[in-house]
């Protein structure tokens, strides 16, 4: 009986680890940012964004507002989701 309880606990821990790992997966060559004013949305963006001036400006604003401690655990970009997606769609068209 104790053995089956132990196996159930192990299986539960393994399942929770796998589900949390799958939610944090980011494709190679990309990174996650959080965007939005009230409700933050997690977006996965290409690393090539780091080369663009508008994204570097957003990172500077993020540093000024949050320092190096981001409340979401990842990089939080202080702009609206609409503005971010508009700028990023312009970059993807090039």
C-alpha atoms as a PDB file:
ATOM      1  CA  UNK A   1       0.000   0.000   0.000  1.00  0.00           C
ATOM      2  CA  UNK A   2       2.803   2.407   0.863  1.00  0.00           C
ATOM      3  CA  UNK A   3       4.550   1.540  -2.376  1.00  0.00           C
ATOM      4  CA  UNK A   4       1.525   2.361  -4.520  1.00  0.00           C
ATOM      5  CA  UNK A   5       1.050   5.681  -2.696  1.00  0.00           C
ATOM      6  CA  UNK A   6       4.708   6.514  -3.313  1.00  0.00           C
ATOM      7  CA  UNK A   7       4.377   5.688  -7.019  1.00  0.00           C
ATOM      8  CA  UNK A   8       1.260   7.900  -7.265  1.00  0.00           C
ATOM      9  CA  UNK A   9       3.137  10.803  -5.664  1.00  0.00           C
ATOM     10  CA  UNK A  10       6.120  10.328  -7.988  1.00  0.00           C
ATOM     11  CA  UNK A  11       3.842  10.178 -11.036  1.00  0.00           C
ATOM     12  CA  UNK A  12       2.058  13.341  -9.895  1.00  0.00           C
ATOM     13  CA  UNK A  13       5.337  15.199  -9.432  1.00  0.00           C
ATOM     14  CA  UNK A  14       6.619  14.026 -12.825  1.00  0.00           C
ATOM     15  CA  UNK A  15       3.381  15.105 -14.537  1.00  0.00           C
ATOM     16  CA  UNK A  16       3.470  18.561 -12.950  1.00  0.00           C
ATOM     17  CA  UNK A  17       7.127  19.024 -13.951  1.00  0.00           C
ATOM     18  CA  UNK A  18       6.380  18.021 -17.540  1.00  0.00           C
ATOM     19  CA  UNK A  19       3.404  20.377 -17.811  1.00  0.00           C
ATOM     20  CA  UNK A  20       5.366  23.306 -16.379  1.00  0.00           C
ATOM     21  CA  UNK A  21       8.293  22.589 -18.707  1.00  0.00           C
ATOM     22  CA  UNK A  22       6.063  22.466 -21.774  1.00  0.00           C
ATOM     23  CA  UNK A  23       4.532  25.849 -20.940  1.00  0.00           C
ATOM     24  CA  UNK A  24       7.969  27.451 -20.774  1.00  0.00           C
ATOM     25  CA  UNK A  25       9.329  25.951 -24.000  1.00  0.00           C
ATOM     26  CA  UNK A  26      10.618  28.514 -26.425  1.00  0.00           C
ATOM     27  CA  UNK A  27      11.873  27.548 -29.899  1.00  0.00           C
ATOM     28  CA  UNK A  28      15.567  27.863 -30.601  1.00  0.00           C
ATOM     29  CA  UNK A  29      16.410  31.363 -31.810  1.00  0.00           C
ATOM     30  CA  UNK A  30      13.523  32.970 -29.909  1.00  0.00           C
ATOM     31  CA  UNK A  31      12.818  34.350 -26.443  1.00  0.00           C
ATOM     32  CA  UNK A  32       9.719  35.191 -24.450  1.00  0.00           C
ATOM     33  CA  UNK A  33       8.591  38.663 -23.432  1.00  0.00           C
ATOM     34  CA  UNK A  34       5.552  39.888 -21.536  1.00  0.00           C
ATOM     35  CA  UNK A  35       3.621  42.748 -23.137  1.00  0.00           C
ATOM     36  CA  UNK A  36       0.591  44.731 -22.069  1.00  0.00           C
ATOM     37  CA  UNK A  37      -0.491  47.440 -19.699  1.00  0.00           C
ATOM     38  CA  UNK A  38      -2.952  45.759 -17.341  1.00  0.00           C
ATOM     39  CA  UNK A  39      -3.055  42.137 -18.462  1.00  0.00           C
ATOM     40  CA  UNK A  40       0.376  40.876 -19.491  1.00  0.00           C
ATOM     41  CA  UNK A  41       0.517  38.502 -22.436  1.00  0.00           C
ATOM     42  CA  UNK A  42       3.470  36.228 -23.086  1.00  0.00           C
ATOM     43  CA  UNK A  43       4.789  36.508 -26.634  1.00  0.00           C
ATOM     44  CA  UNK A  44       7.633  34.564 -28.217  1.00  0.00           C
ATOM     45  CA  UNK A  45       9.794  36.711 -30.485  1.00  0.00           C
ATOM     46  CA  UNK A  46      12.872  36.021 -32.624  1.00  0.00           C
ATOM     47  CA  UNK A  47      16.289  36.931 -31.275  1.00  0.00           C
ATOM     48  CA  UNK A  48      16.796  39.065 -34.390  1.00  0.00           C
ATOM     49  CA  UNK A  49      14.572  41.690 -32.718  1.00  0.00           C
ATOM     50  CA  UNK A  50      17.552  42.550 -30.529  1.00  0.00           C
ATOM     51  CA  UNK A  51      19.226  44.116 -33.583  1.00  0.00           C
ATOM     52  CA  UNK A  52      16.414  46.616 -34.190  1.00  0.00           C
ATOM     53  CA  UNK A  53      16.489  50.081 -32.684  1.00  0.00           C
ATOM     54  CA  UNK A  54      12.799  50.138 -31.675  1.00  0.00           C
ATOM     55  CA  UNK A  55      13.224  46.950 -29.640  1.00  0.00           C
ATOM     56  CA  UNK A  56      16.400  48.270 -28.004  1.00  0.00           C
ATOM     57  CA  UNK A  57      14.446  51.402 -27.044  1.00  0.00           C
ATOM     58  CA  UNK A  58      11.731  49.213 -25.518  1.00  0.00           C
ATOM     59  CA  UNK A  59      14.381  47.343 -23.525  1.00  0.00           C
ATOM     60  CA  UNK A  60      15.765  50.641 -22.212  1.00  0.00           C
ATOM     61  CA  UNK A  61      12.251  51.690 -21.151  1.00  0.00           C
ATOM     62  CA  UNK A  62      11.809  48.335 -19.490  1.00  0.00           C
ATOM     63  CA  UNK A  63      15.079  48.788 -17.601  1.00  0.00           C
ATOM     64  CA  UNK A  64      14.026  52.274 -16.448  1.00  0.00           C
ATOM     65  CA  UNK A  65      10.633  51.049 -15.256  1.00  0.00           C
ATOM     66  CA  UNK A  66      11.499  47.643 -13.764  1.00  0.00           C
ATOM     67  CA  UNK A  67      15.274  47.656 -13.414  1.00  0.00           C
ATOM     68  CA  UNK A  68      16.539  44.112 -13.719  1.00  0.00           C
ATOM     69  CA  UNK A  69      13.780  42.641 -11.565  1.00  0.00           C
ATOM     70  CA  UNK A  70      10.799  41.878 -13.765  1.00  0.00           C
ATOM     71  CA  UNK A  71       7.536  41.023 -11.995  1.00  0.00           C
ATOM     72  CA  UNK A  72       6.604  38.271 -14.462  1.00  0.00           C
ATOM     73  CA  UNK A  73       9.943  36.484 -14.182  1.00  0.00           C
ATOM     74  CA  UNK A  74      10.814  37.321 -17.794  1.00  0.00           C
ATOM     75  CA  UNK A  75      11.386  40.513 -19.720  1.00  0.00           C
ATOM     76  CA  UNK A  76       8.360  42.768 -19.346  1.00  0.00           C
ATOM     77  CA  UNK A  77       7.957  45.321 -22.128  1.00  0.00           C
ATOM     78  CA  UNK A  78       6.146  48.494 -20.986  1.00  0.00           C
ATOM     79  CA  UNK A  79       3.875  49.120 -23.968  1.00  0.00           C
ATOM     80  CA  UNK A  80       0.473  48.068 -25.190  1.00  0.00           C
ATOM     81  CA  UNK A  81       0.064  44.723 -26.852  1.00  0.00           C
ATOM     82  CA  UNK A  82      -1.354  46.429 -29.948  1.00  0.00           C
ATOM     83  CA  UNK A  83       1.672  48.712 -30.353  1.00  0.00           C
ATOM     84  CA  UNK A  84       4.069  45.803 -29.913  1.00  0.00           C
ATOM     85  CA  UNK A  85       2.315  43.583 -32.443  1.00  0.00           C
ATOM     86  CA  UNK A  86       2.087  46.475 -34.908  1.00  0.00           C
ATOM     87  CA  UNK A  87       5.835  47.130 -34.727  1.00  0.00           C
ATOM     88  CA  UNK A  88       6.730  43.462 -34.826  1.00  0.00           C
ATOM     89  CA  UNK A  89       4.515  42.821 -37.866  1.00  0.00           C
ATOM     90  CA  UNK A  90       6.316  45.643 -39.686  1.00  0.00           C
ATOM     91  CA  UNK A  91       9.641  43.933 -38.980  1.00  0.00           C
ATOM     92  CA  UNK A  92       8.401  40.583 -40.195  1.00  0.00           C
ATOM     93  CA  UNK A  93       7.401  42.083 -43.546  1.00  0.00           C
ATOM     94  CA  UNK A  94      11.048  42.952 -44.336  1.00  0.00           C
END
